[in-house]
Amino acid sequence: MAQPATPAEVIPLTLMAHRLTPREQEVALAALRGRSTREIAAELFLSPVTVQDHLKAVFDKTGVRSRRELVALLMTRTLAEAGL
């Protein structure tokens, strides 16, 4: 039986479609979960500066300027994919 894809299934595909590296995807997903730069750095064993560099690359590749815009972009696409 076919069912709409869940956000957990759609968001990683959307990140890959934007050509994010695996590490950029990890950082983006952590940011989507509301983690701070410091929390992401500790979780992924990175420096806060490296996390910021990855976020800058994510923003450039997705065409957004902030975490808030990134969440809006991904959730809008996810809801559209789910037909909502």
N, C-alpha and C. Protein backbone atom coordinates (compact mmCIF):
# COMPACT_ATOMS: atom_id res chain seq x y z
N MET A 1 0.83 -1.16 0.00
CA MET A 1 0.00 0.00 0.00
C MET A 1 0.89 1.25 0.00
N ALA A 2 0.62 2.16 -0.88
CA ALA A 2 1.40 3.40 -0.98
C ALA A 2 0.94 4.39 0.08
N GLN A 3 1.92 5.07 0.69
CA GLN A 3 1.64 6.09 1.69
C GLN A 3 2.52 7.29 1.41
N PRO A 4 2.07 8.48 1.83
CA PRO A 4 2.93 9.65 1.67
C PRO A 4 4.22 9.46 2.46
N ALA A 5 5.28 9.99 1.93
CA ALA A 5 6.58 9.91 2.62
C ALA A 5 6.56 10.76 3.88
N THR A 6 7.27 10.32 4.88
CA THR A 6 7.36 11.07 6.13
C THR A 6 8.47 12.12 6.02
N PRO A 7 8.44 13.14 6.89
CA PRO A 7 9.52 14.12 6.87
C PRO A 7 10.90 13.47 7.04
N ALA A 8 10.97 12.43 7.86
CA ALA A 8 12.25 11.74 8.08
C ALA A 8 12.76 11.10 6.79
N GLU A 9 11.87 10.80 5.86
CA GLU A 9 12.28 10.22 4.58
C GLU A 9 12.56 11.29 3.54
N VAL A 10 11.79 12.38 3.57
CA VAL A 10 11.89 13.41 2.54
C VAL A 10 13.06 14.36 2.76
N ILE A 11 13.27 14.79 4.01
CA ILE A 11 14.30 15.80 4.28
C ILE A 11 15.69 15.35 3.86
N PRO A 12 16.13 14.14 4.19
CA PRO A 12 17.47 13.72 3.71
C PRO A 12 17.57 13.72 2.17
N LEU A 13 16.51 13.35 1.50
CA LEU A 13 16.53 13.36 0.03
C LEU A 13 16.64 14.79 -0.49
N THR A 14 15.94 15.70 0.16
CA THR A 14 16.01 17.11 -0.24
C THR A 14 17.42 17.65 -0.05
N LEU A 15 18.05 17.28 1.07
CA LEU A 15 19.43 17.73 1.31
C LEU A 15 20.38 17.17 0.26
N MET A 16 20.19 15.91 -0.10
CA MET A 16 21.04 15.32 -1.15
C MET A 16 20.79 16.01 -2.49
N ALA A 17 19.54 16.37 -2.76
CA ALA A 17 19.22 17.04 -4.02
C ALA A 17 19.91 18.39 -4.14
N HIS A 18 20.21 19.00 -3.01
CA HIS A 18 20.93 20.27 -3.00
C HIS A 18 22.45 20.06 -3.03
N ARG A 19 22.87 18.82 -3.20
CA ARG A 19 24.28 18.45 -3.32
C ARG A 19 25.09 18.76 -2.06
N LEU A 20 24.46 18.59 -0.90
CA LEU A 20 25.18 18.75 0.35
C LEU A 20 26.06 17.52 0.56
N THR A 21 27.24 17.76 1.11
CA THR A 21 28.12 16.64 1.46
C THR A 21 27.50 15.88 2.63
N PRO A 22 27.94 14.66 2.88
CA PRO A 22 27.42 13.94 4.04
C PRO A 22 27.57 14.72 5.36
N ARG A 23 28.69 15.39 5.56
CA ARG A 23 28.89 16.15 6.79
C ARG A 23 27.97 17.37 6.84
N GLU A 24 27.80 18.04 5.72
CA GLU A 24 26.87 19.17 5.66
C GLU A 24 25.46 18.71 5.97
N GLN A 25 25.10 17.53 5.50
CA GLN A 25 23.77 16.98 5.80
C GLN A 25 23.62 16.74 7.29
N GLU A 26 24.65 16.18 7.93
CA GLU A 26 24.59 15.94 9.38
C GLU A 26 24.41 17.25 10.14
N VAL A 27 25.17 18.26 9.75
CA VAL A 27 25.08 19.56 10.41
C VAL A 27 23.70 20.18 10.18
N ALA A 28 23.20 20.10 8.96
CA ALA A 28 21.88 20.65 8.64
C ALA A 28 20.78 19.95 9.44
N LEU A 29 20.85 18.63 9.53
CA LEU A 29 19.84 17.89 10.29
C LEU A 29 19.89 18.24 11.77
N ALA A 30 21.08 18.41 12.30
CA ALA A 30 21.20 18.81 13.71
C ALA A 30 20.62 20.21 13.92
N ALA A 31 20.88 21.11 12.98
CA ALA A 31 20.31 22.46 13.06
C ALA A 31 18.78 22.40 12.97
N LEU A 32 18.26 21.53 12.13
CA LEU A 32 16.81 21.37 12.01
C LEU A 32 16.20 20.86 13.31
N ARG A 33 16.96 20.10 14.06
CA ARG A 33 16.49 19.59 15.35
C ARG A 33 16.58 20.65 16.44
N GLY A 34 17.07 21.84 16.07
CA GLY A 34 17.14 22.95 17.03
C GLY A 34 18.40 23.00 17.85
N ARG A 35 19.42 22.23 17.46
CA ARG A 35 20.67 22.23 18.20
C ARG A 35 21.43 23.53 17.96
N SER A 36 22.09 24.00 18.99
CA SER A 36 22.93 25.20 18.86
C SER A 36 24.24 24.81 18.19
N THR A 37 24.99 25.82 17.78
CA THR A 37 26.30 25.56 17.18
C THR A 37 27.17 24.76 18.13
N ARG A 38 27.17 25.14 19.40
CA ARG A 38 27.98 24.45 20.40
C ARG A 38 27.54 22.99 20.55
N GLU A 39 26.23 22.75 20.56
CA GLU A 39 25.71 21.39 20.69
C GLU A 39 26.05 20.54 19.47
N ILE A 40 25.94 21.13 18.28
CA ILE A 40 26.29 20.41 17.06
C ILE A 40 27.78 20.05 17.08
N ALA A 41 28.60 21.01 17.48
CA ALA A 41 30.04 20.77 17.53
C ALA A 41 30.36 19.60 18.46
N ALA A 42 29.75 19.57 19.63
CA ALA A 42 30.01 18.48 20.58
C ALA A 42 29.49 17.15 20.05
N GLU A 43 28.30 17.18 19.46
CA GLU A 43 27.67 15.96 18.95
C GLU A 43 28.48 15.33 17.81
N LEU A 44 29.03 16.18 16.94
CA LEU A 44 29.73 15.69 15.75
C LEU A 44 31.25 15.75 15.88
N PHE A 45 31.74 16.10 17.08
CA PHE A 45 33.18 16.18 17.33
C PHE A 45 33.87 17.15 16.36
N LEU A 46 33.28 18.35 16.25
CA LEU A 46 33.81 19.41 15.40
C LEU A 46 34.03 20.65 16.26
N SER A 47 34.79 21.59 15.74
CA SER A 47 34.90 22.88 16.43
C SER A 47 33.68 23.72 16.04
N PRO A 48 33.30 24.67 16.89
CA PRO A 48 32.18 25.55 16.53
C PRO A 48 32.43 26.32 15.22
N VAL A 49 33.68 26.67 14.96
CA VAL A 49 34.00 27.38 13.72
C VAL A 49 33.74 26.47 12.51
N THR A 50 34.08 25.20 12.63
CA THR A 50 33.83 24.25 11.54
C THR A 50 32.34 24.08 11.32
N VAL A 51 31.57 24.02 12.40
CA VAL A 51 30.10 23.93 12.27
C VAL A 51 29.58 25.15 11.51
N GLN A 52 30.05 26.33 11.87
CA GLN A 52 29.62 27.55 11.18
C GLN A 52 30.00 27.51 9.70
N ASP A 53 31.19 26.99 9.40
CA ASP A 53 31.61 26.86 8.00
C ASP A 53 30.68 25.93 7.23
N HIS A 54 30.32 24.81 7.87
CA HIS A 54 29.39 23.88 7.22
C HIS A 54 28.02 24.52 7.03
N LEU A 55 27.55 25.25 8.03
CA LEU A 55 26.25 25.91 7.89
C LEU A 55 26.28 26.94 6.78
N LYS A 56 27.38 27.67 6.66
CA LYS A 56 27.49 28.64 5.57
C LYS A 56 27.39 27.94 4.22
N ALA A 57 28.05 26.79 4.08
CA ALA A 57 27.98 26.03 2.83
C ALA A 57 26.55 25.53 2.58
N VAL A 58 25.89 25.08 3.64
CA VAL A 58 24.49 24.62 3.52
C VAL A 58 23.61 25.78 3.05
N PHE A 59 23.78 26.94 3.66
CA PHE A 59 22.98 28.09 3.28
C PHE A 59 23.23 28.48 1.82
N ASP A 60 24.49 28.49 1.41
CA ASP A 60 24.83 28.82 0.03
C ASP A 60 24.20 27.84 -0.95
N LYS A 61 24.28 26.56 -0.65
CA LYS A 61 23.78 25.54 -1.56
C LYS A 61 22.25 25.49 -1.62
N THR A 62 21.60 25.87 -0.53
CA THR A 62 20.14 25.83 -0.51
C THR A 62 19.50 27.18 -0.82
N GLY A 63 20.32 28.22 -0.88
CA GLY A 63 19.81 29.54 -1.22
C GLY A 63 19.11 30.26 -0.07
N VAL A 64 19.47 29.91 1.16
CA VAL A 64 18.87 30.58 2.32
C VAL A 64 19.95 31.36 3.06
N ARG A 65 19.51 32.17 4.03
CA ARG A 65 20.47 33.00 4.76
C ARG A 65 20.51 32.72 6.25
N SER A 66 19.65 31.81 6.73
CA SER A 66 19.61 31.56 8.18
C SER A 66 19.06 30.17 8.46
N ARG A 67 19.22 29.74 9.70
CA ARG A 67 18.66 28.45 10.12
C ARG A 67 17.14 28.47 9.97
N ARG A 68 16.55 29.59 10.34
CA ARG A 68 15.09 29.73 10.24
C ARG A 68 14.62 29.55 8.80
N GLU A 69 15.32 30.17 7.86
CA GLU A 69 14.96 30.01 6.45
C GLU A 69 15.19 28.58 5.97
N LEU A 70 16.22 27.93 6.48
CA LEU A 70 16.49 26.54 6.12
C LEU A 70 15.34 25.64 6.57
N VAL A 71 14.90 25.83 7.81
CA VAL A 71 13.77 25.05 8.33
C VAL A 71 12.53 25.30 7.48
N ALA A 72 12.26 26.56 7.17
CA ALA A 72 11.09 26.89 6.36
C ALA A 72 11.17 26.23 4.98
N LEU A 73 12.32 26.31 4.36
CA LEU A 73 12.51 25.70 3.04
C LEU A 73 12.25 24.20 3.08
N LEU A 74 12.87 23.52 4.01
CA LEU A 74 12.75 22.07 4.07
C LEU A 74 11.36 21.62 4.49
N MET A 75 10.74 22.32 5.42
CA MET A 75 9.40 21.92 5.85
C MET A 75 8.37 22.22 4.77
N THR A 76 8.52 23.30 4.04
CA THR A 76 7.60 23.62 2.95
C THR A 76 7.68 22.53 1.88
N ARG A 77 8.88 22.14 1.52
CA ARG A 77 9.04 21.08 0.53
C ARG A 77 8.52 19.75 1.04
N THR A 78 8.75 19.47 2.32
CA THR A 78 8.29 18.21 2.91
C THR A 78 6.77 18.15 2.91
N LEU A 79 6.14 19.25 3.30
CA LEU A 79 4.68 19.27 3.30
C LEU A 79 4.11 19.16 1.89
N ALA A 80 4.78 19.80 0.94
CA ALA A 80 4.33 19.69 -0.45
C ALA A 80 4.43 18.27 -0.96
N GLU A 81 5.53 17.60 -0.61
CA GLU A 81 5.71 16.20 -1.02
C GLU A 81 4.64 15.30 -0.41
N ALA A 82 4.20 15.65 0.80
CA ALA A 82 3.19 14.85 1.50
C ALA A 82 1.78 15.22 1.04
N GLY A 83 1.68 16.22 0.17
CA GLY A 83 0.38 16.64 -0.34
C GLY A 83 -0.41 17.47 0.63
N LEU A 84 0.28 18.12 1.57
CA LEU A 84 -0.42 18.95 2.56
C LEU A 84 -0.28 20.42 2.26
